[in-house]
Amino acid sequence: MGTRKAEEELYSKSTIKRAADKLVKKGLIAAEELSSGTLFTVLDTKEISFFSKALKVFN
């Protein structure tokens, strides 16, 4: 098991931002900047479920 610090650095902020921006563009999530961070809201649960199942097949 890794440390909490190692887990937090698994993906860079820019990588997460690019992925989130793609999901926003596809209409799957909404992102709102708050003083404490970014709030993500899932908009299309059917599509998210499909991608989640597809990822499990490839991992």
PDB file of N, CA and C in Angstrom:
ATOM      1  N   MET A   1       0.833  -1.189   0.000  1.00  0.00           N
ATOM      2  CA  MET A   1       0.000   0.000   0.000  1.00  0.00           C
ATOM      3  C   MET A   1       0.873   1.246   0.000  1.00  0.00           C
ATOM      4  N   GLY A   2       0.486   2.228  -0.772  1.00  0.00           N
ATOM      5  CA  GLY A   2       1.218   3.484  -0.814  1.00  0.00           C
ATOM      6  C   GLY A   2       0.753   4.426   0.276  1.00  0.00           C
ATOM      7  N   THR A   3       1.482   5.464   0.407  1.00  0.00           N
ATOM      8  CA  THR A   3       1.093   6.484   1.375  1.00  0.00           C
ATOM      9  C   THR A   3       0.014   7.375   0.784  1.00  0.00           C
ATOM     10  N   ARG A   4      -0.647   8.105   1.651  1.00  0.00           N
ATOM     11  CA  ARG A   4      -1.693   9.020   1.182  1.00  0.00           C
ATOM     12  C   ARG A   4      -1.114  10.045   0.215  1.00  0.00           C
ATOM     13  N   LYS A   5       0.083  10.532   0.501  1.00  0.00           N
ATOM     14  CA  LYS A   5       0.729  11.522  -0.368  1.00  0.00           C
ATOM     15  C   LYS A   5       0.943  10.951  -1.773  1.00  0.00           C
ATOM     16  N   ALA A   6       1.396   9.707  -1.861  1.00  0.00           N
ATOM     17  CA  ALA A   6       1.630   9.076  -3.165  1.00  0.00           C
ATOM     18  C   ALA A   6       0.323   8.926  -3.932  1.00  0.00           C
ATOM     19  N   GLU A   7      -0.756   8.590  -3.235  1.00  0.00           N
ATOM     20  CA  GLU A   7      -2.053   8.427  -3.891  1.00  0.00           C
ATOM     21  C   GLU A   7      -2.568   9.765  -4.419  1.00  0.00           C
ATOM     22  N   GLU A   8      -2.312  10.849  -3.686  1.00  0.00           N
ATOM     23  CA  GLU A   8      -2.775  12.166  -4.112  1.00  0.00           C
ATOM     24  C   GLU A   8      -2.050  12.634  -5.365  1.00  0.00           C
ATOM     25  N   GLU A   9      -0.851  12.156  -5.604  1.00  0.00           N
ATOM     26  CA  GLU A   9      -0.057  12.599  -6.746  1.00  0.00           C
ATOM     27  C   GLU A   9      -0.143  11.648  -7.936  1.00  0.00           C
ATOM     28  N   LEU A  10      -1.113  10.760  -7.920  1.00  0.00           N
ATOM     29  CA  LEU A  10      -1.263   9.791  -9.001  1.00  0.00           C
ATOM     30  C   LEU A  10      -1.505  10.487 -10.341  1.00  0.00           C
ATOM     31  N   TYR A  11      -2.323  11.532 -10.339  1.00  0.00           N
ATOM     32  CA  TYR A  11      -2.604  12.303 -11.551  1.00  0.00           C
ATOM     33  C   TYR A  11      -2.338  13.773 -11.277  1.00  0.00           C
ATOM     34  N   SER A  12      -1.790  14.463 -12.251  1.00  0.00           N
ATOM     35  CA  SER A  12      -1.543  15.891 -12.078  1.00  0.00           C
ATOM     36  C   SER A  12      -2.861  16.659 -12.190  1.00  0.00           C
ATOM     37  N   LYS A  13      -2.863  17.873 -11.685  1.00  0.00           N
ATOM     38  CA  LYS A  13      -4.058  18.712 -11.768  1.00  0.00           C
ATOM     39  C   LYS A  13      -4.439  18.970 -13.215  1.00  0.00           C
ATOM     40  N   SER A  14      -3.438  19.135 -14.084  1.00  0.00           N
ATOM     41  CA  SER A  14      -3.740  19.407 -15.493  1.00  0.00           C
ATOM     42  C   SER A  14      -4.379  18.193 -16.174  1.00  0.00           C
ATOM     43  N   THR A  15      -3.961  16.991 -15.789  1.00  0.00           N
ATOM     44  CA  THR A  15      -4.559  15.771 -16.348  1.00  0.00           C
ATOM     45  C   THR A  15      -6.015  15.652 -15.918  1.00  0.00           C
ATOM     46  N   ILE A  16      -6.278  15.907 -14.655  1.00  0.00           N
ATOM     47  CA  ILE A  16      -7.651  15.852 -14.146  1.00  0.00           C
ATOM     48  C   ILE A  16      -8.497  16.927 -14.811  1.00  0.00           C
ATOM     49  N   LYS A  17      -7.941  18.125 -14.978  1.00  0.00           N
ATOM     50  CA  LYS A  17      -8.678  19.226 -15.625  1.00  0.00           C
ATOM     51  C   LYS A  17      -9.049  18.876 -17.063  1.00  0.00           C
ATOM     52  N   ARG A  18      -8.103  18.300 -17.805  1.00  0.00           N
ATOM     53  CA  ARG A  18      -8.398  17.914 -19.201  1.00  0.00           C
ATOM     54  C   ARG A  18      -9.505  16.864 -19.251  1.00  0.00           C
ATOM     55  N   ALA A  19      -9.437  15.871 -18.376  1.00  0.00           N
ATOM     56  CA  ALA A  19     -10.455  14.817 -18.353  1.00  0.00           C
ATOM     57  C   ALA A  19     -11.821  15.399 -17.972  1.00  0.00           C
ATOM     58  N   ALA A  20     -11.843  16.260 -16.969  1.00  0.00           N
ATOM     59  CA  ALA A  20     -13.104  16.883 -16.546  1.00  0.00           C
ATOM     60  C   ALA A  20     -13.673  17.757 -17.655  1.00  0.00           C
ATOM     61  N   ASP A  21     -12.821  18.515 -18.319  1.00  0.00           N
ATOM     62  CA  ASP A  21     -13.284  19.366 -19.421  1.00  0.00           C
ATOM     63  C   ASP A  21     -13.918  18.541 -20.538  1.00  0.00           C
ATOM     64  N   LYS A  22     -13.356  17.372 -20.818  1.00  0.00           N
ATOM     65  CA  LYS A  22     -13.939  16.496 -21.848  1.00  0.00           C
ATOM     66  C   LYS A  22     -15.319  16.012 -21.424  1.00  0.00           C
ATOM     67  N   LEU A  23     -15.465  15.641 -20.145  1.00  0.00           N
ATOM     68  CA  LEU A  23     -16.757  15.165 -19.646  1.00  0.00           C
ATOM     69  C   LEU A  23     -17.794  16.288 -19.638  1.00  0.00           C
ATOM     70  N   VAL A  24     -17.368  17.504 -19.328  1.00  0.00           N
ATOM     71  CA  VAL A  24     -18.272  18.662 -19.377  1.00  0.00           C
ATOM     72  C   VAL A  24     -18.716  18.895 -20.817  1.00  0.00           C
ATOM     73  N   LYS A  25     -17.775  18.860 -21.747  1.00  0.00           N
ATOM     74  CA  LYS A  25     -18.092  19.096 -23.164  1.00  0.00           C
ATOM     75  C   LYS A  25     -19.087  18.052 -23.691  1.00  0.00           C
ATOM     76  N   LYS A  26     -18.985  16.813 -23.200  1.00  0.00           N
ATOM     77  CA  LYS A  26     -19.899  15.750 -23.618  1.00  0.00           C
ATOM     78  C   LYS A  26     -21.237  15.796 -22.887  1.00  0.00           C
ATOM     79  N   GLY A  27     -21.348  16.706 -21.911  1.00  0.00           N
ATOM     80  CA  GLY A  27     -22.604  16.847 -21.176  1.00  0.00           C
ATOM     81  C   GLY A  27     -22.800  15.797 -20.097  1.00  0.00           C
ATOM     82  N   LEU A  28     -21.745  15.133 -19.697  1.00  0.00           N
ATOM     83  CA  LEU A  28     -21.862  14.089 -18.688  1.00  0.00           C
ATOM     84  C   LEU A  28     -21.778  14.629 -17.268  1.00  0.00           C
ATOM     85  N   ILE A  29     -21.020  15.715 -17.083  1.00  0.00           N
ATOM     86  CA  ILE A  29     -20.888  16.342 -15.772  1.00  0.00           C
ATOM     87  C   ILE A  29     -20.942  17.856 -15.915  1.00  0.00           C
ATOM     88  N   ALA A  30     -21.188  18.518 -14.789  1.00  0.00           N
ATOM     89  CA  ALA A  30     -21.054  19.976 -14.697  1.00  0.00           C
ATOM     90  C   ALA A  30     -19.959  20.226 -13.668  1.00  0.00           C
ATOM     91  N   ALA A  31     -19.173  21.262 -13.880  1.00  0.00           N
ATOM     92  CA  ALA A  31     -18.098  21.605 -12.954  1.00  0.00           C
ATOM     93  C   ALA A  31     -18.272  23.051 -12.525  1.00  0.00           C
ATOM     94  N   GLU A  32     -18.163  23.289 -11.219  1.00  0.00           N
ATOM     95  CA  GLU A  32     -18.313  24.635 -10.674  1.00  0.00           C
ATOM     96  C   GLU A  32     -17.150  24.905  -9.726  1.00  0.00           C
ATOM     97  N   GLU A  33     -16.454  26.007  -9.974  1.00  0.00           N
ATOM     98  CA  GLU A  33     -15.329  26.389  -9.116  1.00  0.00           C
ATOM     99  C   GLU A  33     -15.861  27.047  -7.842  1.00  0.00           C
ATOM    100  N   LEU A  34     -15.435  26.544  -6.702  1.00  0.00           N
ATOM    101  CA  LEU A  34     -15.799  27.101  -5.404  1.00  0.00           C
ATOM    102  C   LEU A  34     -14.535  27.548  -4.687  1.00  0.00           C
ATOM    103  N   SER A  35     -14.684  28.287  -3.614  1.00  0.00           N
ATOM    104  CA  SER A  35     -13.506  28.734  -2.863  1.00  0.00           C
ATOM    105  C   SER A  35     -12.742  27.556  -2.261  1.00  0.00           C
ATOM    106  N   SER A  36     -13.441  26.456  -1.985  1.00  0.00           N
ATOM    107  CA  SER A  36     -12.801  25.285  -1.375  1.00  0.00           C
ATOM    108  C   SER A  36     -12.347  24.241  -2.389  1.00  0.00           C
ATOM    109  N   GLY A  37     -12.606  24.467  -3.683  1.00  0.00           N
ATOM    110  CA  GLY A  37     -12.211  23.499  -4.712  1.00  0.00           C
ATOM    111  C   GLY A  37     -13.213  23.472  -5.845  1.00  0.00           C
ATOM    112  N   THR A  38     -13.300  22.355  -6.522  1.00  0.00           N
ATOM    113  CA  THR A  38     -14.209  22.207  -7.660  1.00  0.00           C
ATOM    114  C   THR A  38     -15.316  21.229  -7.309  1.00  0.00           C
ATOM    115  N   LEU A  39     -16.547  21.621  -7.590  1.00  0.00           N
ATOM    116  CA  LEU A  39     -17.701  20.765  -7.371  1.00  0.00           C
ATOM    117  C   LEU A  39     -18.089  20.145  -8.713  1.00  0.00           C
ATOM    118  N   PHE A  40     -18.106  18.810  -8.770  1.00  0.00           N
ATOM    119  CA  PHE A  40     -18.527  18.096  -9.973  1.00  0.00           C
ATOM    120  C   PHE A  40     -19.908  17.517  -9.731  1.00  0.00           C
ATOM    121  N   THR A  41     -20.807  17.712 -10.693  1.00  0.00           N
ATOM    122  CA  THR A  41     -22.153  17.168 -10.618  1.00  0.00           C
ATOM    123  C   THR A  41     -22.371  16.249 -11.807  1.00  0.00           C
ATOM    124  N   VAL A  42     -22.758  14.999 -11.536  1.00  0.00           N
ATOM    125  CA  VAL A  42     -23.032  14.038 -12.601  1.00  0.00           C
ATOM    126  C   VAL A  42     -24.383  14.370 -13.220  1.00  0.00           C
ATOM    127  N   LEU A  43     -24.413  14.536 -14.540  1.00  0.00           N
ATOM    128  CA  LEU A  43     -25.634  14.918 -15.249  1.00  0.00           C
ATOM    129  C   LEU A  43     -26.301  13.736 -15.947  1.00  0.00           C
ATOM    130  N   ASP A  44     -25.516  12.800 -16.433  1.00  0.00           N
ATOM    131  CA  ASP A  44     -26.065  11.689 -17.206  1.00  0.00           C
ATOM    132  C   ASP A  44     -25.556  10.372 -16.630  1.00  0.00           C
ATOM    133  N   THR A  45     -26.306   9.816 -15.690  1.00  0.00           N
ATOM    134  CA  THR A  45     -25.852   8.607 -14.996  1.00  0.00           C
ATOM    135  C   THR A  45     -25.820   7.377 -15.899  1.00  0.00           C
ATOM    136  N   LYS A  46     -26.665   7.321 -16.907  1.00  0.00           N
ATOM    137  CA  LYS A  46     -26.652   6.168 -17.816  1.00  0.00           C
ATOM    138  C   LYS A  46     -25.342   6.104 -18.584  1.00  0.00           C
ATOM    139  N   GLU A  47     -24.886   7.242 -19.085  1.00  0.00           N
ATOM    140  CA  GLU A  47     -23.621   7.284 -19.822  1.00  0.00           C
ATOM    141  C   GLU A  47     -22.447   6.988 -18.904  1.00  0.00           C
ATOM    142  N   ILE A  48     -22.444   7.546 -17.710  1.00  0.00           N
ATOM    143  CA  ILE A  48     -21.360   7.305 -16.758  1.00  0.00           C
ATOM    144  C   ILE A  48     -21.295   5.817 -16.429  1.00  0.00           C
ATOM    145  N   SER A  49     -22.434   5.191 -16.222  1.00  0.00           N
ATOM    146  CA  SER A  49     -22.486   3.761 -15.919  1.00  0.00           C
ATOM    147  C   SER A  49     -21.911   2.948 -17.072  1.00  0.00           C
ATOM    148  N   PHE A  50     -22.225   3.323 -18.300  1.00  0.00           N
ATOM    149  CA  PHE A  50     -21.710   2.624 -19.474  1.00  0.00           C
ATOM    150  C   PHE A  50     -20.185   2.694 -19.507  1.00  0.00           C
ATOM    151  N   PHE A  51     -19.629   3.901 -19.323  1.00  0.00           N
ATOM    152  CA  PHE A  51     -18.178   4.059 -19.364  1.00  0.00           C
ATOM    153  C   PHE A  51     -17.504   3.317 -18.213  1.00  0.00           C
ATOM    154  N   SER A  52     -18.134   3.320 -17.066  1.00  0.00           N
ATOM    155  CA  SER A  52     -17.572   2.611 -15.906  1.00  0.00           C
ATOM    156  C   SER A  52     -17.485   1.121 -16.198  1.00  0.00           C
ATOM    157  N   LYS A  53     -18.516   0.557 -16.771  1.00  0.00           N
ATOM    158  CA  LYS A  53     -18.521  -0.873 -17.114  1.00  0.00           C
ATOM    159  C   LYS A  53     -17.485  -1.165 -18.203  1.00  0.00           C
ATOM    160  N   ALA A  54     -17.372  -0.278 -19.177  1.00  0.00           N
ATOM    161  CA  ALA A  54     -16.399  -0.468 -20.261  1.00  0.00           C
ATOM    162  C   ALA A  54     -14.979  -0.430 -19.715  1.00  0.00           C
ATOM    163  N   LEU A  55     -14.695   0.459 -18.793  1.00  0.00           N
ATOM    164  CA  LEU A  55     -13.363   0.552 -18.217  1.00  0.00           C
ATOM    165  C   LEU A  55     -13.000  -0.706 -17.447  1.00  0.00           C
ATOM    166  N   LYS A  56     -13.967  -1.306 -16.767  1.00  0.00           N
ATOM    167  CA  LYS A  56     -13.709  -2.541 -16.017  1.00  0.00           C
ATOM    168  C   LYS A  56     -13.303  -3.672 -16.942  1.00  0.00           C
ATOM    169  N   VAL A  57     -13.824  -3.689 -18.142  1.00  0.00           N
ATOM    170  CA  VAL A  57     -13.480  -4.724 -19.117  1.00  0.00           C
ATOM    171  C   VAL A  57     -12.028  -4.605 -19.530  1.00  0.00           C
ATOM    172  N   PHE A  58     -11.545  -3.372 -19.676  1.00  0.00           N
ATOM    173  CA  PHE A  58     -10.187  -3.155 -20.149  1.00  0.00           C
ATOM    174  C   PHE A  58      -9.144  -3.171 -19.045  1.00  0.00           C
ATOM    175  N   ASN A  59      -9.559  -3.077 -17.789  1.00  0.00           N
ATOM    176  CA  ASN A  59      -8.585  -3.061 -16.676  1.00  0.00           C
ATOM    177  C   ASN A  59      -8.424  -4.413 -16.056  1.00  0.00           C
TER     178      ASN A  59
END
